[in-house]
Amino acid sequence: MGSRSIVKGMMNKMNMVMACFMVMAVAFPSLLNLKGATAEDYVVGDSLGWVIPPNTSFYSEWAASKTFQIGDGLVFNWTGDHNVGKVASKEEYDNCTDPGIVFGPGVRIEITSAEEYYICTVGDHCDRGQKVAITVGSAANNSSPPPPPPSYASSLTPTTLGSFFGLIISTLVAISFLNHS
């Protein structure tokens, strides 16, 4: 067997190992544990949940304390007689306009636009403050600029580095095995 065919065989094996490494990195991104790569879920109202609030500013204050991004999820939890509906505009939100389509408890709704509005359509619940406006990119009051992109270096913990090096060692073992086959 000529040296050219040996090199070609080794290159094919290395390409296969690199392809495996890339598939593992895509299929199991948690091994690298890079922050900022996944969406977050927010339970609307935190521990209070989705209820008639103690005051009409409760949900706007809750939303102002969060920084939402496209792809994040809003989880609406409640017991009793409530629902949640997405309205199309600030005007419909302000007027508590029934959107027609409502969801039951425990629903997770993905944020898909820069501004979204949700209300409870049961009785006078919306008028009493059971509604929330979501603004993407900064707090709902827009008084501060969006945060800088996450630093991936800050997510490199000993556990993350151990997982990453374990992945590299597994790849090297696979290369070694392929070289001896």
N, C-alpha and C. Protein backbone atom coordinates (compact mmCIF):
# COMPACT_ATOMS: atom_id res chain seq x y z
N MET A 1 0.85 -1.17 0.00
CA MET A 1 0.00 0.00 0.00
C MET A 1 0.89 1.23 0.00
N GLY A 2 0.64 2.16 -0.89
CA GLY A 2 1.46 3.35 -1.01
C GLY A 2 1.16 4.36 0.08
N SER A 3 2.10 5.28 0.28
CA SER A 3 1.94 6.29 1.33
C SER A 3 0.75 7.21 1.05
N ARG A 4 0.46 7.39 -0.24
CA ARG A 4 -0.67 8.23 -0.61
C ARG A 4 -1.99 7.62 -0.14
N SER A 5 -2.14 6.31 -0.31
CA SER A 5 -3.39 5.66 0.12
C SER A 5 -3.48 5.61 1.64
N ILE A 6 -2.35 5.50 2.35
CA ILE A 6 -2.36 5.52 3.81
C ILE A 6 -2.81 6.90 4.30
N VAL A 7 -2.26 7.96 3.71
CA VAL A 7 -2.63 9.32 4.08
C VAL A 7 -4.11 9.56 3.78
N LYS A 8 -4.59 9.08 2.62
CA LYS A 8 -5.98 9.26 2.25
C LYS A 8 -6.90 8.53 3.24
N GLY A 9 -6.51 7.33 3.64
CA GLY A 9 -7.29 6.57 4.62
C GLY A 9 -7.33 7.28 5.96
N MET A 10 -6.19 7.82 6.38
CA MET A 10 -6.15 8.55 7.66
C MET A 10 -7.00 9.81 7.58
N MET A 11 -6.96 10.51 6.46
CA MET A 11 -7.76 11.72 6.31
C MET A 11 -9.26 11.38 6.36
N ASN A 12 -9.66 10.26 5.73
CA ASN A 12 -11.07 9.86 5.78
C ASN A 12 -11.49 9.57 7.21
N LYS A 13 -10.63 8.88 7.98
CA LYS A 13 -10.94 8.56 9.38
C LYS A 13 -11.01 9.83 10.22
N MET A 14 -10.07 10.76 9.98
CA MET A 14 -10.09 12.01 10.74
C MET A 14 -11.33 12.84 10.41
N ASN A 15 -11.70 12.83 9.13
CA ASN A 15 -12.92 13.56 8.74
C ASN A 15 -14.14 12.97 9.43
N MET A 16 -14.16 11.62 9.54
CA MET A 16 -15.28 10.96 10.19
C MET A 16 -15.31 11.31 11.69
N VAL A 17 -14.16 11.33 12.33
CA VAL A 17 -14.09 11.68 13.75
C VAL A 17 -14.52 13.13 13.96
N MET A 18 -14.06 14.03 13.10
CA MET A 18 -14.45 15.44 13.22
C MET A 18 -15.96 15.60 13.01
N ALA A 19 -16.52 14.84 12.07
CA ALA A 19 -17.96 14.89 11.85
C ALA A 19 -18.69 14.41 13.10
N CYS A 20 -18.19 13.34 13.74
CA CYS A 20 -18.79 12.85 14.98
C CYS A 20 -18.71 13.91 16.07
N PHE A 21 -17.57 14.58 16.17
CA PHE A 21 -17.39 15.62 17.17
C PHE A 21 -18.40 16.75 16.95
N MET A 22 -18.58 17.14 15.70
CA MET A 22 -19.52 18.23 15.39
C MET A 22 -20.95 17.81 15.71
N VAL A 23 -21.31 16.56 15.38
CA VAL A 23 -22.66 16.08 15.69
C VAL A 23 -22.87 16.08 17.20
N MET A 24 -21.88 15.64 17.96
CA MET A 24 -22.00 15.62 19.42
C MET A 24 -22.14 17.03 19.96
N ALA A 25 -21.38 17.97 19.41
CA ALA A 25 -21.44 19.36 19.89
C ALA A 25 -22.80 19.99 19.61
N VAL A 26 -23.40 19.63 18.45
CA VAL A 26 -24.71 20.16 18.11
C VAL A 26 -25.81 19.43 18.87
N ALA A 27 -25.70 18.11 18.97
CA ALA A 27 -26.74 17.32 19.61
C ALA A 27 -26.72 17.46 21.13
N PHE A 28 -25.54 17.71 21.71
CA PHE A 28 -25.42 17.80 23.16
C PHE A 28 -24.72 19.10 23.56
N PRO A 29 -25.33 20.26 23.26
CA PRO A 29 -24.68 21.53 23.59
C PRO A 29 -24.49 21.73 25.08
N SER A 30 -25.26 20.99 25.89
CA SER A 30 -25.11 21.14 27.34
C SER A 30 -23.73 20.68 27.80
N LEU A 31 -23.05 19.86 27.00
CA LEU A 31 -21.70 19.45 27.36
C LEU A 31 -20.77 20.66 27.39
N LEU A 32 -21.05 21.62 26.54
CA LEU A 32 -20.24 22.84 26.53
C LEU A 32 -20.79 23.90 27.47
N ASN A 33 -22.07 23.78 27.81
CA ASN A 33 -22.73 24.66 28.79
C ASN A 33 -22.50 26.14 28.50
N LEU A 34 -22.73 26.56 27.26
CA LEU A 34 -22.55 27.96 26.90
C LEU A 34 -23.81 28.73 27.25
N LYS A 35 -23.70 29.71 28.13
CA LYS A 35 -24.85 30.52 28.52
C LYS A 35 -25.25 31.43 27.38
N GLY A 36 -26.52 31.79 27.35
CA GLY A 36 -27.00 32.68 26.32
C GLY A 36 -27.45 31.94 25.07
N ALA A 37 -27.20 30.64 25.02
CA ALA A 37 -27.55 29.88 23.83
C ALA A 37 -28.98 29.35 23.89
N THR A 38 -29.62 29.41 25.03
CA THR A 38 -30.97 28.88 25.15
C THR A 38 -31.91 29.95 25.69
N ALA A 39 -33.18 29.75 25.38
CA ALA A 39 -34.20 30.68 25.85
C ALA A 39 -34.53 30.40 27.31
N GLU A 40 -35.09 31.39 27.96
CA GLU A 40 -35.51 31.23 29.35
C GLU A 40 -37.03 31.22 29.42
N ASP A 41 -37.55 30.52 30.42
CA ASP A 41 -38.98 30.55 30.69
C ASP A 41 -39.21 31.44 31.90
N TYR A 42 -40.24 32.26 31.83
CA TYR A 42 -40.63 33.14 32.93
C TYR A 42 -42.04 32.77 33.38
N VAL A 43 -42.20 32.47 34.66
CA VAL A 43 -43.53 32.25 35.21
C VAL A 43 -44.12 33.63 35.47
N VAL A 44 -45.19 33.93 34.75
CA VAL A 44 -45.80 35.26 34.85
C VAL A 44 -46.31 35.46 36.28
N GLY A 45 -45.83 36.54 36.91
CA GLY A 45 -46.20 36.84 38.28
C GLY A 45 -45.37 36.11 39.32
N ASP A 46 -44.37 35.36 38.88
CA ASP A 46 -43.51 34.57 39.78
C ASP A 46 -44.38 33.72 40.71
N SER A 47 -44.17 33.81 42.01
CA SER A 47 -44.88 32.94 42.95
C SER A 47 -46.38 33.26 43.06
N LEU A 48 -46.78 34.48 42.73
CA LEU A 48 -48.21 34.82 42.77
C LEU A 48 -48.95 34.11 41.65
N GLY A 49 -48.29 33.95 40.50
CA GLY A 49 -48.94 33.32 39.36
C GLY A 49 -49.80 34.31 38.60
N TRP A 50 -50.74 33.76 37.84
CA TRP A 50 -51.63 34.55 36.99
C TRP A 50 -52.99 34.61 37.68
N VAL A 51 -53.20 35.67 38.43
CA VAL A 51 -54.42 35.87 39.23
C VAL A 51 -54.81 37.35 39.17
N ILE A 52 -55.94 37.67 39.78
CA ILE A 52 -56.26 39.09 39.95
C ILE A 52 -55.22 39.62 40.94
N PRO A 53 -54.42 40.59 40.51
CA PRO A 53 -53.29 41.02 41.35
C PRO A 53 -53.73 41.92 42.52
N PRO A 54 -52.83 42.09 43.49
CA PRO A 54 -53.15 42.95 44.64
C PRO A 54 -53.32 44.42 44.26
N ASN A 55 -52.74 44.83 43.12
CA ASN A 55 -52.91 46.20 42.62
C ASN A 55 -52.79 46.18 41.11
N THR A 56 -53.27 47.22 40.44
CA THR A 56 -53.31 47.22 38.98
C THR A 56 -51.95 47.38 38.32
N SER A 57 -50.92 47.72 39.09
CA SER A 57 -49.59 47.88 38.51
C SER A 57 -48.71 46.64 38.73
N PHE A 58 -49.24 45.61 39.38
CA PHE A 58 -48.43 44.45 39.74
C PHE A 58 -47.73 43.83 38.54
N TYR A 59 -48.47 43.48 37.48
CA TYR A 59 -47.87 42.79 36.34
C TYR A 59 -46.95 43.70 35.51
N SER A 60 -47.24 44.99 35.46
CA SER A 60 -46.33 45.89 34.75
C SER A 60 -45.02 46.03 35.53
N GLU A 61 -45.10 46.05 36.86
CA GLU A 61 -43.87 46.07 37.68
C GLU A 61 -43.11 44.76 37.54
N TRP A 62 -43.84 43.64 37.50
CA TRP A 62 -43.19 42.33 37.31
C TRP A 62 -42.43 42.32 35.98
N ALA A 63 -43.09 42.74 34.91
CA ALA A 63 -42.47 42.73 33.58
C ALA A 63 -41.28 43.69 33.52
N ALA A 64 -41.38 44.83 34.22
CA ALA A 64 -40.29 45.82 34.21
C ALA A 64 -39.03 45.26 34.89
N SER A 65 -39.19 44.26 35.72
CA SER A 65 -38.03 43.69 36.42
C SER A 65 -37.35 42.59 35.62
N LYS A 66 -37.84 42.29 34.43
CA LYS A 66 -37.31 41.21 33.60
C LYS A 66 -36.73 41.77 32.30
N THR A 67 -35.81 41.03 31.72
CA THR A 67 -35.30 41.35 30.39
C THR A 67 -35.65 40.19 29.48
N PHE A 68 -36.63 40.39 28.63
CA PHE A 68 -37.14 39.34 27.76
C PHE A 68 -36.42 39.36 26.41
N GLN A 69 -36.34 38.20 25.80
CA GLN A 69 -35.75 38.05 24.47
C GLN A 69 -36.71 37.25 23.60
N ILE A 70 -36.61 37.44 22.28
CA ILE A 70 -37.37 36.62 21.35
C ILE A 70 -36.99 35.16 21.62
N GLY A 71 -37.98 34.30 21.69
CA GLY A 71 -37.73 32.88 21.95
C GLY A 71 -37.92 32.49 23.41
N ASP A 72 -37.91 33.47 24.32
CA ASP A 72 -38.20 33.16 25.72
C ASP A 72 -39.65 32.71 25.83
N GLY A 73 -39.94 32.00 26.92
CA GLY A 73 -41.30 31.53 27.12
C GLY A 73 -41.97 32.20 28.31
N LEU A 74 -43.25 32.43 28.18
CA LEU A 74 -44.07 32.94 29.28
C LEU A 74 -44.97 31.80 29.72
N VAL A 75 -44.88 31.44 31.00
CA VAL A 75 -45.70 30.36 31.54
C VAL A 75 -46.77 30.99 32.43
N PHE A 76 -48.02 30.73 32.10
CA PHE A 76 -49.15 31.27 32.85
C PHE A 76 -49.73 30.16 33.72
N ASN A 77 -49.55 30.27 35.03
CA ASN A 77 -50.06 29.28 35.98
C ASN A 77 -51.17 29.91 36.82
N TRP A 78 -52.28 29.18 36.98
CA TRP A 78 -53.34 29.64 37.86
C TRP A 78 -54.23 28.48 38.25
N THR A 79 -55.02 28.72 39.25
CA THR A 79 -56.12 27.84 39.62
C THR A 79 -57.36 28.72 39.67
N GLY A 80 -58.50 28.10 39.57
CA GLY A 80 -59.73 28.89 39.60
C GLY A 80 -60.15 29.36 38.23
N ASP A 81 -60.98 30.37 38.21
CA ASP A 81 -61.62 30.85 36.99
C ASP A 81 -60.83 31.99 36.34
N HIS A 82 -59.86 31.62 35.52
CA HIS A 82 -59.05 32.58 34.78
C HIS A 82 -58.77 32.00 33.40
N ASN A 83 -58.19 32.78 32.54
CA ASN A 83 -57.67 32.32 31.25
C ASN A 83 -56.62 33.34 30.81
N VAL A 84 -56.04 33.12 29.66
CA VAL A 84 -55.10 34.10 29.10
C VAL A 84 -55.32 34.16 27.60
N GLY A 85 -55.32 35.38 27.10
CA GLY A 85 -55.45 35.60 25.67
C GLY A 85 -54.45 36.65 25.22
N LYS A 86 -53.94 36.47 24.03
CA LYS A 86 -52.99 37.44 23.46
C LYS A 86 -53.77 38.43 22.61
N VAL A 87 -53.62 39.72 22.94
CA VAL A 87 -54.27 40.76 22.13
C VAL A 87 -53.26 41.35 21.16
N ALA A 88 -53.77 41.91 20.08
CA ALA A 88 -52.92 42.31 18.97
C ALA A 88 -52.24 43.67 19.12
N SER A 89 -52.74 44.53 20.01
CA SER A 89 -52.19 45.88 20.07
C SER A 89 -52.26 46.44 21.47
N LYS A 90 -51.55 47.53 21.68
CA LYS A 90 -51.58 48.25 22.96
C LYS A 90 -52.99 48.78 23.22
N GLU A 91 -53.66 49.24 22.18
CA GLU A 91 -55.03 49.75 22.33
C GLU A 91 -55.97 48.65 22.84
N GLU A 92 -55.86 47.45 22.25
CA GLU A 92 -56.69 46.33 22.71
C GLU A 92 -56.34 45.94 24.14
N TYR A 93 -55.06 46.02 24.48
CA TYR A 93 -54.60 45.76 25.85
C TYR A 93 -55.19 46.78 26.82
N ASP A 94 -55.06 48.06 26.48
CA ASP A 94 -55.59 49.12 27.35
C ASP A 94 -57.10 49.01 27.54
N ASN A 95 -57.82 48.60 26.46
CA ASN A 95 -59.28 48.50 26.50
C ASN A 95 -59.78 47.13 26.93
N CYS A 96 -58.84 46.20 27.24
CA CYS A 96 -59.22 44.84 27.64
C CYS A 96 -60.12 44.17 26.60
N THR A 97 -59.77 44.31 25.33
CA THR A 97 -60.54 43.73 24.23
C THR A 97 -60.33 42.22 24.18
N ASP A 98 -61.41 41.47 24.20
CA ASP A 98 -61.35 40.02 24.17
C ASP A 98 -60.81 39.56 22.81
N PRO A 99 -59.69 38.80 22.80
CA PRO A 99 -59.11 38.37 21.53
C PRO A 99 -59.85 37.20 20.88
N GLY A 100 -60.80 36.60 21.61
CA GLY A 100 -61.55 35.48 21.04
C GLY A 100 -60.93 34.13 21.35
N ILE A 101 -59.63 34.01 21.20
CA ILE A 101 -58.94 32.74 21.48
C ILE A 101 -58.21 32.89 22.80
N VAL A 102 -58.52 31.99 23.73
CA VAL A 102 -57.89 32.02 25.05
C VAL A 102 -57.32 30.64 25.37
N PHE A 103 -56.40 30.59 26.32
CA PHE A 103 -55.72 29.36 26.69
C PHE A 103 -55.99 29.02 28.15
N GLY A 104 -55.82 27.74 28.47
CA GLY A 104 -56.02 27.26 29.83
C GLY A 104 -54.76 27.35 30.66
N PRO A 105 -54.84 26.91 31.94
CA PRO A 105 -53.72 27.05 32.87
C PRO A 105 -52.50 26.22 32.46
N GLY A 106 -51.33 26.71 32.85
CA GLY A 106 -50.10 26.00 32.57
C GLY A 106 -49.59 26.19 31.15
N VAL A 107 -50.20 27.07 30.40
CA VAL A 107 -49.80 27.26 29.02
C VAL A 107 -48.45 27.99 28.96
N ARG A 108 -47.60 27.58 28.03
CA ARG A 108 -46.33 28.26 27.76
C ARG A 108 -46.45 28.90 26.39
N ILE A 109 -46.25 30.22 26.36
CA ILE A 109 -46.35 30.95 25.10
C ILE A 109 -44.98 31.53 24.79
N GLU A 110 -44.47 31.24 23.60
CA GLU A 110 -43.16 31.75 23.19
C GLU A 110 -43.27 33.19 22.71
N ILE A 111 -42.33 34.01 23.16
CA ILE A 111 -42.27 35.41 22.72
C ILE A 111 -41.73 35.44 21.30
N THR A 112 -42.50 36.04 20.39
CA THR A 112 -42.11 36.05 18.98
C THR A 112 -41.97 37.44 18.39
N SER A 113 -42.33 38.48 19.17
CA SER A 113 -42.22 39.85 18.63
C SER A 113 -41.74 40.80 19.72
N ALA A 114 -41.41 42.02 19.31
CA ALA A 114 -40.81 42.99 20.23
C ALA A 114 -41.75 43.45 21.33
N GLU A 115 -43.04 43.47 21.05
CA GLU A 115 -44.04 43.84 22.06
C GLU A 115 -45.20 42.87 21.98
N GLU A 116 -45.58 42.35 23.14
CA GLU A 116 -46.71 41.43 23.20
C GLU A 116 -47.58 41.78 24.39
N TYR A 117 -48.89 41.52 24.25
CA TYR A 117 -49.86 41.90 25.27
C TYR A 117 -50.78 40.72 25.59
N TYR A 118 -50.95 40.46 26.89
CA TYR A 118 -51.77 39.34 27.33
C TYR A 118 -52.77 39.82 28.39
N ILE A 119 -53.98 39.27 28.32
CA ILE A 119 -55.02 39.66 29.28
C ILE A 119 -55.79 38.41 29.73
N CYS A 120 -56.47 38.53 30.87
CA CYS A 120 -57.46 37.56 31.29
C CYS A 120 -58.80 38.11 30.84
N THR A 121 -59.61 37.27 30.18
CA THR A 121 -60.89 37.75 29.64
C THR A 121 -62.08 37.39 30.52
N VAL A 122 -61.83 36.81 31.68
CA VAL A 122 -62.93 36.43 32.58
C VAL A 122 -63.43 37.67 33.32
N GLY A 123 -64.71 37.93 33.23
CA GLY A 123 -65.34 39.04 33.97
C GLY A 123 -64.57 40.34 33.85
N ASP A 124 -64.34 40.98 35.01
CA ASP A 124 -63.61 42.25 35.04
C ASP A 124 -62.14 42.07 35.44
N HIS A 125 -61.60 40.86 35.30
CA HIS A 125 -60.23 40.58 35.73
C HIS A 125 -59.21 41.49 35.05
N CYS A 126 -59.35 41.70 33.76
CA CYS A 126 -58.40 42.57 33.04
C CYS A 126 -58.48 44.00 33.58
N ASP A 127 -59.68 44.51 33.75
CA ASP A 127 -59.84 45.87 34.28
C ASP A 127 -59.23 46.00 35.68
N ARG A 128 -59.19 44.91 36.42
CA ARG A 128 -58.65 44.91 37.77
C ARG A 128 -57.13 44.66 37.78
N GLY A 129 -56.52 44.57 36.58
CA GLY A 129 -55.07 44.49 36.50
C GLY A 129 -54.50 43.16 36.08
N GLN A 130 -55.34 42.18 35.73
CA GLN A 130 -54.82 40.88 35.30
C GLN A 130 -54.52 40.94 33.80
N LYS A 131 -53.42 41.66 33.53
CA LYS A 131 -52.93 41.81 32.17
C LYS A 131 -51.45 42.16 32.26
N VAL A 132 -50.71 41.76 31.22
CA VAL A 132 -49.27 42.02 31.22
C VAL A 132 -48.81 42.40 29.81
N ALA A 133 -47.95 43.42 29.76
CA ALA A 133 -47.33 43.85 28.50
C ALA A 133 -45.86 43.45 28.55
N ILE A 134 -45.40 42.79 27.49
CA ILE A 134 -44.02 42.31 27.42
C ILE A 134 -43.28 43.13 26.37
N THR A 135 -42.12 43.66 26.75
CA THR A 135 -41.26 44.39 25.82
C THR A 135 -39.93 43.65 25.74
N VAL A 136 -39.53 43.30 24.53
CA VAL A 136 -38.30 42.53 24.31
C VAL A 136 -37.10 43.46 24.29
N GLY A 137 -36.00 42.99 24.84
CA GLY A 137 -34.72 43.69 24.73
C GLY A 137 -34.33 44.49 25.93
N SER A 138 -35.28 45.04 26.64
CA SER A 138 -34.97 45.78 27.85
C SER A 138 -36.19 45.71 28.75
N ALA A 139 -36.05 46.24 29.94
CA ALA A 139 -37.19 46.25 30.85
C ALA A 139 -38.34 46.99 30.20
N ALA A 140 -39.55 46.68 30.62
CA ALA A 140 -40.75 47.23 29.97
C ALA A 140 -40.78 48.74 29.97
N ASN A 141 -40.12 49.39 30.93
CA ASN A 141 -40.14 50.85 30.95
C ASN A 141 -39.11 51.46 30.00
N ASN A 142 -38.30 50.63 29.36
CA ASN A 142 -37.29 51.05 28.38
C ASN A 142 -36.34 52.12 28.92
N SER A 143 -36.11 52.15 30.22
CA SER A 143 -35.23 53.17 30.79
C SER A 143 -33.76 52.78 30.70
N SER A 144 -33.48 51.53 30.38
CA SER A 144 -32.08 51.11 30.27
C SER A 144 -31.87 50.40 28.95
N PRO A 145 -30.66 50.49 28.41
CA PRO A 145 -30.38 49.83 27.14
C PRO A 145 -30.32 48.32 27.34
N PRO A 146 -30.46 47.55 26.25
CA PRO A 146 -30.36 46.10 26.37
C PRO A 146 -28.99 45.72 26.94
N PRO A 147 -28.93 44.61 27.66
CA PRO A 147 -27.65 44.18 28.22
C PRO A 147 -26.70 43.76 27.11
N PRO A 148 -25.39 43.80 27.36
CA PRO A 148 -24.44 43.35 26.34
C PRO A 148 -24.61 41.86 26.11
N PRO A 149 -24.13 41.36 24.97
CA PRO A 149 -24.23 39.92 24.71
C PRO A 149 -23.52 39.16 25.82
N PRO A 150 -23.98 37.93 26.09
CA PRO A 150 -23.35 37.16 27.16
C PRO A 150 -21.90 36.84 26.84
N SER A 151 -21.10 36.79 27.88
CA SER A 151 -19.70 36.40 27.73
C SER A 151 -19.61 34.90 27.88
N TYR A 152 -19.25 34.22 26.81
CA TYR A 152 -19.16 32.77 26.87
C TYR A 152 -18.01 32.33 27.78
N ALA A 153 -17.01 33.16 27.93
CA ALA A 153 -15.90 32.81 28.80
C ALA A 153 -16.37 32.71 30.25
N SER A 154 -17.37 33.52 30.63
CA SER A 154 -17.84 33.48 32.01
C SER A 154 -18.56 32.19 32.33
N SER A 155 -18.97 31.42 31.31
CA SER A 155 -19.68 30.17 31.57
C SER A 155 -18.72 28.99 31.67
N LEU A 156 -17.43 29.22 31.58
CA LEU A 156 -16.47 28.12 31.66
C LEU A 156 -16.15 27.82 33.12
N THR A 157 -16.94 26.94 33.68
CA THR A 157 -16.75 26.53 35.06
C THR A 157 -15.92 25.25 35.08
N PRO A 158 -15.43 24.82 36.25
CA PRO A 158 -14.70 23.54 36.29
C PRO A 158 -15.52 22.39 35.73
N THR A 159 -16.82 22.36 36.01
CA THR A 159 -17.67 21.29 35.48
C THR A 159 -17.74 21.37 33.96
N THR A 160 -17.91 22.59 33.43
CA THR A 160 -17.98 22.77 31.98
C THR A 160 -16.67 22.36 31.34
N LEU A 161 -15.56 22.81 31.91
CA LEU A 161 -14.26 22.45 31.35
C LEU A 161 -14.04 20.95 31.42
N GLY A 162 -14.46 20.31 32.51
CA GLY A 162 -14.32 18.86 32.63
C GLY A 162 -15.11 18.15 31.55
N SER A 163 -16.34 18.60 31.29
CA SER A 163 -17.16 18.00 30.24
C SER A 163 -16.52 18.21 28.87
N PHE A 164 -15.99 19.41 28.64
CA PHE A 164 -15.37 19.72 27.37
C PHE A 164 -14.13 18.86 27.14
N PHE A 165 -13.28 18.77 28.18
CA PHE A 165 -12.07 17.94 28.03
C PHE A 165 -12.43 16.47 27.90
N GLY A 166 -13.51 16.04 28.55
CA GLY A 166 -13.98 14.66 28.38
C GLY A 166 -14.38 14.40 26.95
N LEU A 167 -15.01 15.38 26.32
CA LEU A 167 -15.40 15.27 24.93
C LEU A 167 -14.17 15.18 24.03
N ILE A 168 -13.17 15.99 24.33
CA ILE A 168 -11.92 15.95 23.54
C ILE A 168 -11.22 14.61 23.72
N ILE A 169 -11.15 14.11 24.95
CA ILE A 169 -10.49 12.81 25.19
C ILE A 169 -11.24 11.70 24.46
N SER A 170 -12.57 11.74 24.48
CA SER A 170 -13.35 10.73 23.76
C SER A 170 -13.04 10.77 22.27
N THR A 171 -12.89 11.98 21.73
CA THR A 171 -12.56 12.13 20.32
C THR A 171 -11.18 11.56 20.02
N LEU A 172 -10.21 11.85 20.89
CA LEU A 172 -8.85 11.32 20.69
C LEU A 172 -8.82 9.80 20.78
N VAL A 173 -9.59 9.22 21.68
CA VAL A 173 -9.67 7.77 21.79
C VAL A 173 -10.25 7.20 20.50
N ALA A 174 -11.29 7.86 19.96
CA ALA A 174 -11.89 7.41 18.71
C ALA A 174 -10.88 7.48 17.58
N ILE A 175 -10.08 8.53 17.52
CA ILE A 175 -9.04 8.65 16.50
C ILE A 175 -8.03 7.52 16.64
N SER A 176 -7.60 7.28 17.88
CA SER A 176 -6.63 6.22 18.13
C SER A 176 -7.19 4.87 17.71
N PHE A 177 -8.48 4.61 18.03
CA PHE A 177 -9.11 3.35 17.66
C PHE A 177 -9.16 3.21 16.15
N LEU A 178 -9.52 4.28 15.45
CA LEU A 178 -9.62 4.23 13.99
C LEU A 178 -8.24 4.03 13.36
N ASN A 179 -7.21 4.58 13.95
CA ASN A 179 -5.86 4.42 13.42
C ASN A 179 -5.37 2.98 13.54
N HIS A 180 -5.89 2.25 14.51
CA HIS A 180 -5.45 0.86 14.71
C HIS A 180 -6.38 -0.14 14.06
N SER A 181 -7.38 0.33 13.37
CA SER A 181 -8.30 -0.63 12.74
C SER A 181 -7.97 -0.80 11.27
